[in-house]
Amino acid sequence: MFVEPLFSGPASAEKAKGSGWVEVICGSMFSGKTEELIRRLKRAVLAKQQVEIFKPSLDSRYHEENIVSHNDNFIRSTPVSVASEILLHVSKGEVVGIDEAQFFDDSILEVVQTLAGQGTRVIVAGLDMDYLGKPFGSMPSLMAIAEFVTKVHAICMQCGGVASHSYRLNESSEQVLLGAQSQYEARCRKCFSLSPKL
């Protein structure tokens, strides 16, 4: 479990107030990425920090505005069409959460760097690989620039092992196909590679 960095002493605490950083939560579908994002954001709210949360507007699977985990936990967010809109909406956010980052355009990197450079704690969640097992969108670059990266895992729906792949259950060849249990299942490396690509 990720625990926020501790800063000791008055000089360190004062310095930490102006220092931003980037946290990336990545993994396959059904691995708990959004659940972990919500957990971290709710902790920040409990700490009375100013929190602002965003998601791509194309992701309306569970709700138009809320970020919702597969376990039905949710937190209010602002849907945006492109990553650059995030900067237009952020006012005093000490903590900014971004879900489904793989769906944003490449400007997400600049947005995240800008926010962290302004002293904001930025928490980003997203799929690290697409349904073919290839790096997905800007996630590899976000992981490279992050101070903290957490890779979460699911349970393989075939053998019960540790799953890090999202296996698509239909024949669509579109990289972006929003779905849940009826469209995808989590698979381990072995079960993913043994299955024919539909």
C-alpha atoms as a PDB file:
ATOM      1  CA  MET A   1       0.000   0.000   0.000  1.00  0.00           C
ATOM      2  CA  PHE A   2       1.280   3.434  -0.924  1.00  0.00           C
ATOM      3  CA  VAL A   3       1.836   5.809   1.972  1.00  0.00           C
ATOM      4  CA  GLU A   4       2.475   9.485   1.320  1.00  0.00           C
ATOM      5  CA  PRO A   5       6.087  10.601   1.832  1.00  0.00           C
ATOM      6  CA  LEU A   6       6.929  11.833   5.319  1.00  0.00           C
ATOM      7  CA  PHE A   7       8.765  15.067   5.846  1.00  0.00           C
ATOM      8  CA  SER A   8      10.443  15.711   9.182  1.00  0.00           C
ATOM      9  CA  GLY A   9      11.417  18.967  10.805  1.00  0.00           C
ATOM     10  CA  PRO A  10      10.112  22.470  10.152  1.00  0.00           C
ATOM     11  CA  ALA A  11      12.508  23.150   7.251  1.00  0.00           C
ATOM     12  CA  SER A  12      11.515  19.936   5.481  1.00  0.00           C
ATOM     13  CA  ALA A  13       7.811  20.545   6.084  1.00  0.00           C
ATOM     14  CA  GLU A  14       8.055  24.085   4.741  1.00  0.00           C
ATOM     15  CA  LYS A  15      10.017  22.921   1.699  1.00  0.00           C
ATOM     16  CA  ALA A  16       7.502  20.117   1.063  1.00  0.00           C
ATOM     17  CA  LYS A  17       4.632  22.611   0.846  1.00  0.00           C
ATOM     18  CA  GLY A  18       6.073  24.068  -2.356  1.00  0.00           C
ATOM     19  CA  SER A  19       7.233  20.786  -3.868  1.00  0.00           C
ATOM     20  CA  GLY A  20       4.982  18.921  -6.214  1.00  0.00           C
ATOM     21  CA  TRP A  21       5.360  15.356  -7.386  1.00  0.00           C
ATOM     22  CA  VAL A  22       3.761  12.782  -9.658  1.00  0.00           C
ATOM     23  CA  GLU A  23       2.343   9.406  -8.601  1.00  0.00           C
ATOM     24  CA  VAL A  24       1.256   6.859 -11.223  1.00  0.00           C
ATOM     25  CA  ILE A  25      -1.022   3.923 -10.460  1.00  0.00           C
ATOM     26  CA  CYS A  26      -1.002   1.410 -13.309  1.00  0.00           C
ATOM     27  CA  GLY A  27      -2.035  -2.129 -14.107  1.00  0.00           C
ATOM     28  CA  SER A  28      -4.550  -4.208 -16.022  1.00  0.00           C
ATOM     29  CA  MET A  29      -8.304  -3.956 -15.927  1.00  0.00           C
ATOM     30  CA  PHE A  30      -9.855  -5.149 -12.641  1.00  0.00           C
ATOM     31  CA  SER A  31      -6.571  -4.625 -10.773  1.00  0.00           C
ATOM     32  CA  GLY A  32      -7.858  -1.876  -8.479  1.00  0.00           C
ATOM     33  CA  LYS A  33      -6.280   1.199 -10.119  1.00  0.00           C
ATOM     34  CA  THR A  34      -9.332   3.408  -9.692  1.00  0.00           C
ATOM     35  CA  GLU A  35      -9.970   1.974  -6.232  1.00  0.00           C
ATOM     36  CA  GLU A  36      -6.433   3.008  -5.201  1.00  0.00           C
ATOM     37  CA  LEU A  37      -6.823   6.441  -6.808  1.00  0.00           C
ATOM     38  CA  ILE A  38     -10.069   7.012  -4.891  1.00  0.00           C
ATOM     39  CA  ARG A  39      -8.416   5.825  -1.645  1.00  0.00           C
ATOM     40  CA  ARG A  40      -5.537   8.307  -2.020  1.00  0.00           C
ATOM     41  CA  LEU A  41      -7.855  11.171  -2.953  1.00  0.00           C
ATOM     42  CA  LYS A  42     -10.181  10.496  -0.021  1.00  0.00           C
ATOM     43  CA  ARG A  43      -7.161  10.504   2.336  1.00  0.00           C
ATOM     44  CA  ALA A  44      -6.197  13.914   0.959  1.00  0.00           C
ATOM     45  CA  VAL A  45      -9.753  15.167   1.536  1.00  0.00           C
ATOM     46  CA  LEU A  46      -9.621  13.849   5.126  1.00  0.00           C
ATOM     47  CA  ALA A  47      -6.353  15.774   5.550  1.00  0.00           C
ATOM     48  CA  LYS A  48      -8.295  18.908   4.519  1.00  0.00           C
ATOM     49  CA  GLN A  49      -6.264  19.363   1.353  1.00  0.00           C
ATOM     50  CA  GLN A  50      -7.779  21.070  -1.686  1.00  0.00           C
ATOM     51  CA  VAL A  51      -8.469  18.193  -4.138  1.00  0.00           C
ATOM     52  CA  GLU A  52      -9.500  18.413  -7.790  1.00  0.00           C
ATOM     53  CA  ILE A  53     -10.271  15.343  -9.878  1.00  0.00           C
ATOM     54  CA  PHE A  54     -10.529  14.777 -13.630  1.00  0.00           C
ATOM     55  CA  LYS A  55     -11.388  12.037 -16.079  1.00  0.00           C
ATOM     56  CA  PRO A  56     -11.721  11.842 -19.881  1.00  0.00           C
ATOM     57  CA  SER A  57     -15.251  12.743 -20.965  1.00  0.00           C
ATOM     58  CA  LEU A  58     -15.371   9.703 -23.264  1.00  0.00           C
ATOM     59  CA  ASP A  59     -15.412   7.429 -20.199  1.00  0.00           C
ATOM     60  CA  SER A  60     -19.051   7.448 -19.140  1.00  0.00           C
ATOM     61  CA  ARG A  61     -19.339   3.696 -18.462  1.00  0.00           C
ATOM     62  CA  TYR A  62     -20.592   4.027 -14.904  1.00  0.00           C
ATOM     63  CA  HIS A  63     -21.380   7.729 -14.539  1.00  0.00           C
ATOM     64  CA  GLU A  64     -21.114  10.940 -16.558  1.00  0.00           C
ATOM     65  CA  GLU A  65     -19.143  12.816 -13.880  1.00  0.00           C
ATOM     66  CA  ASN A  66     -18.085  10.523 -11.042  1.00  0.00           C
ATOM     67  CA  ILE A  67     -15.028   8.338 -11.137  1.00  0.00           C
ATOM     68  CA  VAL A  68     -16.430   4.913 -10.257  1.00  0.00           C
ATOM     69  CA  SER A  69     -14.463   1.759  -9.486  1.00  0.00           C
ATOM     70  CA  HIS A  70     -15.618  -1.716 -10.510  1.00  0.00           C
ATOM     71  CA  ASN A  71     -16.495  -2.147  -6.789  1.00  0.00           C
ATOM     72  CA  ASP A  72     -18.903   0.815  -7.040  1.00  0.00           C
ATOM     73  CA  ASN A  73     -16.795   3.182  -4.928  1.00  0.00           C
ATOM     74  CA  PHE A  74     -16.942   6.672  -6.368  1.00  0.00           C
ATOM     75  CA  ILE A  75     -15.752  10.229  -6.071  1.00  0.00           C
ATOM     76  CA  ARG A  76     -16.931  13.346  -7.902  1.00  0.00           C
ATOM     77  CA  SER A  77     -14.800  14.447 -10.873  1.00  0.00           C
ATOM     78  CA  THR A  78     -14.784  16.894 -13.753  1.00  0.00           C
ATOM     79  CA  PRO A  79     -14.914  15.272 -17.213  1.00  0.00           C
ATOM     80  CA  VAL A  80     -12.655  16.919 -19.808  1.00  0.00           C
ATOM     81  CA  SER A  81     -12.304  16.307 -23.554  1.00  0.00           C
ATOM     82  CA  VAL A  82      -8.554  16.919 -23.808  1.00  0.00           C
ATOM     83  CA  ALA A  83      -5.812  16.994 -21.193  1.00  0.00           C
ATOM     84  CA  SER A  84      -5.063  20.704 -21.634  1.00  0.00           C
ATOM     85  CA  GLU A  85      -8.546  21.512 -20.258  1.00  0.00           C
ATOM     86  CA  ILE A  86      -7.353  20.305 -16.854  1.00  0.00           C
ATOM     87  CA  LEU A  87      -5.158  23.392 -16.477  1.00  0.00           C
ATOM     88  CA  LEU A  88      -8.182  25.613 -17.204  1.00  0.00           C
ATOM     89  CA  HIS A  89     -10.164  23.999 -14.378  1.00  0.00           C
ATOM     90  CA  VAL A  90      -7.492  23.729 -11.674  1.00  0.00           C
ATOM     91  CA  SER A  91      -7.737  26.624  -9.251  1.00  0.00           C
ATOM     92  CA  LYS A  92      -6.097  25.924  -5.895  1.00  0.00           C
ATOM     93  CA  GLY A  93      -5.640  22.182  -6.066  1.00  0.00           C
ATOM     94  CA  GLU A  94      -3.013  20.920  -3.652  1.00  0.00           C
ATOM     95  CA  VAL A  95      -3.814  17.462  -4.989  1.00  0.00           C
ATOM     96  CA  VAL A  96      -5.003  16.676  -8.523  1.00  0.00           C
ATOM     97  CA  GLY A  97      -6.309  13.231  -9.436  1.00  0.00           C
ATOM     98  CA  ILE A  98      -6.562  12.024 -13.036  1.00  0.00           C
ATOM     99  CA  ASP A  99      -8.248   8.727 -13.924  1.00  0.00           C
ATOM    100  CA  GLU A 100      -8.001   6.719 -17.171  1.00  0.00           C
ATOM    101  CA  ALA A 101      -4.943   8.701 -18.265  1.00  0.00           C
ATOM    102  CA  GLN A 102      -4.280   6.345 -21.194  1.00  0.00           C
ATOM    103  CA  PHE A 103      -7.282   7.890 -22.981  1.00  0.00           C
ATOM    104  CA  PHE A 104      -5.831  11.414 -22.957  1.00  0.00           C
ATOM    105  CA  ASP A 105      -3.767  12.917 -25.762  1.00  0.00           C
ATOM    106  CA  ASP A 106       0.001  13.403 -25.402  1.00  0.00           C
ATOM    107  CA  SER A 107      -0.482  16.852 -23.825  1.00  0.00           C
ATOM    108  CA  ILE A 108      -1.187  14.985 -20.555  1.00  0.00           C
ATOM    109  CA  LEU A 109       2.591  14.902 -20.016  1.00  0.00           C
ATOM    110  CA  GLU A 110       2.908  18.677 -20.169  1.00  0.00           C
ATOM    111  CA  VAL A 111      -0.172  19.125 -17.964  1.00  0.00           C
ATOM    112  CA  VAL A 112       1.198  16.793 -15.290  1.00  0.00           C
ATOM    113  CA  GLN A 113       4.666  18.387 -15.411  1.00  0.00           C
ATOM    114  CA  THR A 114       3.158  21.882 -15.165  1.00  0.00           C
ATOM    115  CA  LEU A 115       1.024  20.970 -12.156  1.00  0.00           C
ATOM    116  CA  ALA A 116       3.878  19.231 -10.321  1.00  0.00           C
ATOM    117  CA  GLY A 117       6.147  22.190 -11.118  1.00  0.00           C
ATOM    118  CA  GLN A 118       3.606  24.479  -9.430  1.00  0.00           C
ATOM    119  CA  GLY A 119       3.807  22.445  -6.229  1.00  0.00           C
ATOM    120  CA  THR A 120       0.834  20.145  -6.809  1.00  0.00           C
ATOM    121  CA  ARG A 121       0.717  16.479  -5.870  1.00  0.00           C
ATOM    122  CA  VAL A 122      -0.543  14.799  -9.061  1.00  0.00           C
ATOM    123  CA  ILE A 123      -1.992  11.277  -8.858  1.00  0.00           C
ATOM    124  CA  VAL A 124      -2.571   9.590 -12.221  1.00  0.00           C
ATOM    125  CA  ALA A 125      -4.225   6.198 -12.810  1.00  0.00           C
ATOM    126  CA  GLY A 126      -4.463   4.231 -16.035  1.00  0.00           C
ATOM    127  CA  LEU A 127      -3.911   1.060 -17.994  1.00  0.00           C
ATOM    128  CA  ASP A 128      -0.234   0.458 -18.715  1.00  0.00           C
ATOM    129  CA  MET A 129      -0.975  -1.972 -21.595  1.00  0.00           C
ATOM    130  CA  ASP A 130      -3.732  -2.284 -24.173  1.00  0.00           C
ATOM    131  CA  TYR A 131      -5.598  -5.480 -25.061  1.00  0.00           C
ATOM    132  CA  LEU A 132      -2.658  -6.640 -27.220  1.00  0.00           C
ATOM    133  CA  GLY A 133      -0.202  -6.291 -24.340  1.00  0.00           C
ATOM    134  CA  LYS A 134       1.411  -3.179 -25.877  1.00  0.00           C
ATOM    135  CA  PRO A 135       2.221   0.011 -23.918  1.00  0.00           C
ATOM    136  CA  PHE A 136      -0.903   2.185 -23.873  1.00  0.00           C
ATOM    137  CA  GLY A 137      -0.936   5.858 -24.810  1.00  0.00           C
ATOM    138  CA  SER A 138       1.131   8.199 -22.670  1.00  0.00           C
ATOM    139  CA  MET A 139       1.266   5.842 -19.693  1.00  0.00           C
ATOM    140  CA  PRO A 140       4.890   4.708 -20.268  1.00  0.00           C
ATOM    141  CA  SER A 141       6.025   8.345 -20.420  1.00  0.00           C
ATOM    142  CA  LEU A 142       3.998   9.236 -17.328  1.00  0.00           C
ATOM    143  CA  MET A 143       5.611   6.337 -15.465  1.00  0.00           C
ATOM    144  CA  ALA A 144       9.047   7.596 -16.544  1.00  0.00           C
ATOM    145  CA  ILE A 145       8.516  11.122 -15.177  1.00  0.00           C
ATOM    146  CA  ALA A 146       6.774  10.039 -11.952  1.00  0.00           C
ATOM    147  CA  GLU A 147       8.459  10.116  -8.564  1.00  0.00           C
ATOM    148  CA  PHE A 148       6.303   7.181  -7.456  1.00  0.00           C
ATOM    149  CA  VAL A 149       4.908   4.309  -9.551  1.00  0.00           C
ATOM    150  CA  THR A 150       2.554   1.684  -8.140  1.00  0.00           C
ATOM    151  CA  LYS A 151       1.722  -1.330 -10.307  1.00  0.00           C
ATOM    152  CA  VAL A 152      -1.371  -3.143  -9.091  1.00  0.00           C
ATOM    153  CA  HIS A 153      -2.428  -6.609 -10.205  1.00  0.00           C
ATOM    154  CA  ALA A 154      -5.662  -8.482 -10.753  1.00  0.00           C
ATOM    155  CA  ILE A 155      -6.468 -12.174 -10.448  1.00  0.00           C
ATOM    156  CA  CYS A 156      -6.266 -14.239 -13.655  1.00  0.00           C
ATOM    157  CA  MET A 157      -9.778 -15.307 -14.596  1.00  0.00           C
ATOM    158  CA  GLN A 158      -8.396 -18.498 -16.179  1.00  0.00           C
ATOM    159  CA  CYS A 159      -6.006 -19.914 -13.571  1.00  0.00           C
ATOM    160  CA  GLY A 160      -6.206 -17.674 -10.490  1.00  0.00           C
ATOM    161  CA  GLY A 161      -2.616 -16.447 -10.843  1.00  0.00           C
ATOM    162  CA  VAL A 162      -1.331 -12.867 -10.707  1.00  0.00           C
ATOM    163  CA  ALA A 163      -2.788 -11.025 -13.706  1.00  0.00           C
ATOM    164  CA  SER A 164      -1.184  -8.051 -15.426  1.00  0.00           C
ATOM    165  CA  HIS A 165      -2.931  -8.241 -18.832  1.00  0.00           C
ATOM    166  CA  SER A 166      -6.378  -7.140 -20.053  1.00  0.00           C
ATOM    167  CA  TYR A 167      -7.748  -9.806 -22.409  1.00  0.00           C
ATOM    168  CA  ARG A 168     -10.490  -8.649 -24.786  1.00  0.00           C
ATOM    169  CA  LEU A 169     -13.399 -11.041 -25.108  1.00  0.00           C
ATOM    170  CA  ASN A 170     -14.708  -9.801 -28.476  1.00  0.00           C
ATOM    171  CA  GLU A 171     -13.363  -9.378 -32.009  1.00  0.00           C
ATOM    172  CA  SER A 172     -13.006  -5.577 -32.112  1.00  0.00           C
ATOM    173  CA  SER A 173      -9.580  -4.357 -33.237  1.00  0.00           C
ATOM    174  CA  GLU A 174     -10.061  -0.793 -31.943  1.00  0.00           C
ATOM    175  CA  GLN A 175      -7.410   0.135 -29.377  1.00  0.00           C
ATOM    176  CA  VAL A 176      -9.976   2.069 -27.329  1.00  0.00           C
ATOM    177  CA  LEU A 177     -13.070   0.023 -26.560  1.00  0.00           C
ATOM    178  CA  LEU A 178     -14.707   0.971 -23.290  1.00  0.00           C
ATOM    179  CA  GLY A 179     -16.104  -1.934 -21.391  1.00  0.00           C
ATOM    180  CA  ALA A 180     -16.227  -3.925 -18.208  1.00  0.00           C
ATOM    181  CA  GLN A 181     -16.653  -7.586 -17.281  1.00  0.00           C
ATOM    182  CA  SER A 182     -18.588  -8.397 -20.460  1.00  0.00           C
ATOM    183  CA  GLN A 183     -15.794  -7.038 -22.701  1.00  0.00           C
ATOM    184  CA  TYR A 184     -12.574  -7.907 -20.847  1.00  0.00           C
ATOM    185  CA  GLU A 185     -11.057 -10.223 -18.305  1.00  0.00           C
ATOM    186  CA  ALA A 186      -7.785 -10.110 -16.414  1.00  0.00           C
ATOM    187  CA  ARG A 187      -5.193 -12.712 -17.365  1.00  0.00           C
ATOM    188  CA  CYS A 188      -1.721 -13.725 -16.245  1.00  0.00           C
ATOM    189  CA  ARG A 189       1.162 -13.714 -18.729  1.00  0.00           C
ATOM    190  CA  LYS A 190       0.812 -17.433 -19.514  1.00  0.00           C
ATOM    191  CA  CYS A 191      -2.973 -17.476 -20.028  1.00  0.00           C
ATOM    192  CA  PHE A 192      -2.796 -14.234 -22.030  1.00  0.00           C
ATOM    193  CA  SER A 193      -0.151 -15.614 -24.404  1.00  0.00           C
ATOM    194  CA  LEU A 194      -1.893 -19.000 -24.800  1.00  0.00           C
ATOM    195  CA  SER A 195      -5.202 -17.401 -25.803  1.00  0.00           C
ATOM    196  CA  PRO A 196      -5.828 -16.605 -29.467  1.00  0.00           C
ATOM    197  CA  LYS A 197      -6.157 -12.897 -30.164  1.00  0.00           C
ATOM    198  CA  LEU A 198      -9.751 -12.443 -31.310  1.00  0.00           C
END
